[in-house]
C-alpha atoms as a PDB file:
ATOM      1  CA  MET A   1     -15.446 144.556  23.261  1.00  0.00           C
ATOM      2  CA  ALA A   2     -15.256 141.451  21.104  1.00  0.00           C
ATOM      3  CA  GLY A   3     -12.674 141.568  18.294  1.00  0.00           C
ATOM      4  CA  ASP A   4     -10.537 139.258  16.202  1.00  0.00           C
ATOM      5  CA  ASN A   5      -9.477 137.357  19.321  1.00  0.00           C
ATOM      6  CA  SER A   6     -13.066 136.713  20.394  1.00  0.00           C
ATOM      7  CA  TYR A   7     -14.704 133.266  20.232  1.00  0.00           C
ATOM      8  CA  LYS A   8     -18.175 131.921  20.969  1.00  0.00           C
ATOM      9  CA  PRO A   9     -19.088 128.821  22.993  1.00  0.00           C
ATOM     10  CA  GLY A  10     -19.098 125.780  20.742  1.00  0.00           C
ATOM     11  CA  GLU A  11     -16.305 126.981  18.435  1.00  0.00           C
ATOM     12  CA  ILE A  12     -13.160 124.932  18.193  1.00  0.00           C
ATOM     13  CA  VAL A  13     -10.143 126.296  20.087  1.00  0.00           C
ATOM     14  CA  LYS A  14      -7.450 127.124  17.536  1.00  0.00           C
ATOM     15  CA  ILE A  15      -4.805 128.373  19.982  1.00  0.00           C
ATOM     16  CA  SER A  16      -4.113 126.905  23.403  1.00  0.00           C
ATOM     17  CA  GLY A  17      -3.863 129.476  26.139  1.00  0.00           C
ATOM     18  CA  VAL A  18      -5.527 131.479  28.844  1.00  0.00           C
ATOM     19  CA  TYR A  19      -8.831 133.064  27.827  1.00  0.00           C
ATOM     20  CA  SER A  20     -11.058 135.598  29.550  1.00  0.00           C
ATOM     21  CA  VAL A  21     -14.722 134.599  29.638  1.00  0.00           C
ATOM     22  CA  VAL A  22     -16.589 137.872  29.190  1.00  0.00           C
ATOM     23  CA  HIS A  23     -20.315 138.308  29.629  1.00  0.00           C
ATOM     24  CA  ASP A  24     -22.161 141.067  27.818  1.00  0.00           C
ATOM     25  CA  ASP A  25     -22.539 143.054  31.022  1.00  0.00           C
ATOM     26  CA  ALA A  26     -18.734 142.715  31.579  1.00  0.00           C
ATOM     27  CA  LYS A  27     -19.354 142.289  35.308  1.00  0.00           C
ATOM     28  CA  HIS A  28     -18.703 138.549  35.440  1.00  0.00           C
ATOM     29  CA  THR A  29     -15.316 138.086  33.806  1.00  0.00           C
ATOM     30  CA  PHE A  30     -12.965 135.224  34.730  1.00  0.00           C
ATOM     31  CA  GLU A  31     -10.084 133.343  33.208  1.00  0.00           C
ATOM     32  CA  VAL A  32      -9.848 129.754  31.973  1.00  0.00           C
ATOM     33  CA  THR A  33      -7.344 127.583  30.132  1.00  0.00           C
ATOM     34  CA  CYS A  34      -8.480 126.234  26.764  1.00  0.00           C
ATOM     35  CA  VAL A  35      -6.648 123.607  24.709  1.00  0.00           C
ATOM     36  CA  GLU A  36      -6.245 123.584  20.919  1.00  0.00           C
ATOM     37  CA  GLY A  37      -8.710 121.159  19.235  1.00  0.00           C
ATOM     38  CA  GLU A  38     -11.274 121.216  22.037  1.00  0.00           C
ATOM     39  CA  HIS A  39     -14.481 123.241  22.009  1.00  0.00           C
ATOM     40  CA  PHE A  40     -15.119 126.417  23.934  1.00  0.00           C
ATOM     41  CA  LEU A  41     -17.630 125.363  26.589  1.00  0.00           C
ATOM     42  CA  PRO A  42     -21.025 127.017  27.073  1.00  0.00           C
ATOM     43  CA  THR A  43     -21.499 129.123  30.223  1.00  0.00           C
ATOM     44  CA  ARG A  44     -24.140 128.472  32.861  1.00  0.00           C
ATOM     45  CA  SER A  45     -25.917 131.749  32.039  1.00  0.00           C
ATOM     46  CA  GLY A  46     -26.117 130.563  28.446  1.00  0.00           C
ATOM     47  CA  LYS A  47     -26.289 133.889  26.656  1.00  0.00           C
ATOM     48  CA  GLY A  48     -23.998 136.696  25.781  1.00  0.00           C
ATOM     49  CA  ALA A  49     -20.646 135.271  26.753  1.00  0.00           C
ATOM     50  CA  HIS A  50     -17.581 135.063  24.617  1.00  0.00           C
ATOM     51  CA  PHE A  51     -13.946 134.030  25.074  1.00  0.00           C
ATOM     52  CA  GLU A  52     -11.002 136.425  24.500  1.00  0.00           C
ATOM     53  CA  LEU A  53      -7.441 135.163  24.198  1.00  0.00           C
ATOM     54  CA  LYS A  54      -5.183 136.745  26.830  1.00  0.00           C
ATOM     55  CA  TYR A  55      -2.007 134.619  26.652  1.00  0.00           C
ATOM     56  CA  ALA A  56      -1.278 132.027  24.015  1.00  0.00           C
ATOM     57  CA  ALA A  57       0.697 128.964  25.164  1.00  0.00           C
ATOM     58  CA  THR A  58       1.915 125.826  23.444  1.00  0.00           C
ATOM     59  CA  HIS A  59       0.383 122.674  24.831  1.00  0.00           C
ATOM     60  CA  SER A  60       3.114 120.702  26.631  1.00  0.00           C
ATOM     61  CA  HIS A  61       2.579 117.653  24.414  1.00  0.00           C
ATOM     62  CA  LYS A  62       3.372 119.742  21.335  1.00  0.00           C
ATOM     63  CA  HIS A  63       6.357 121.701  22.631  1.00  0.00           C
ATOM     64  CA  GLY A  64       9.646 120.802  20.888  1.00  0.00           C
ATOM     65  CA  GLU A  65      11.684 121.030  24.175  1.00  0.00           C
ATOM     66  CA  LEU A  66       9.523 118.508  25.952  1.00  0.00           C
ATOM     67  CA  GLN A  67       9.239 114.766  25.393  1.00  0.00           C
ATOM     68  CA  SER A  68       5.927 113.019  25.294  1.00  0.00           C
ATOM     69  CA  THR A  69       5.517 109.684  27.181  1.00  0.00           C
ATOM     70  CA  GLU A  70       5.424 107.849  23.838  1.00  0.00           C
ATOM     71  CA  ALA A  71       8.869 109.201  22.867  1.00  0.00           C
ATOM     72  CA  ARG A  72      10.411 107.887  26.124  1.00  0.00           C
ATOM     73  CA  SER A  73       9.338 104.294  25.601  1.00  0.00           C
END
């Protein structure tokens, strides 16, 4: 069931991570990676799907232990 960690297609991703795409019938669930600042994409079926955060993850470009290519120049 959709809760506080549930998002609709078109909303902006606030937390990078792995999300379950859940259809209303709950029969067609699969996982995708979504990146902070991008939009949750619509599904082919169009109706009744939402995204649920399973595992949050920091995008590699924002992680303090990793250097971006700009920092190496």
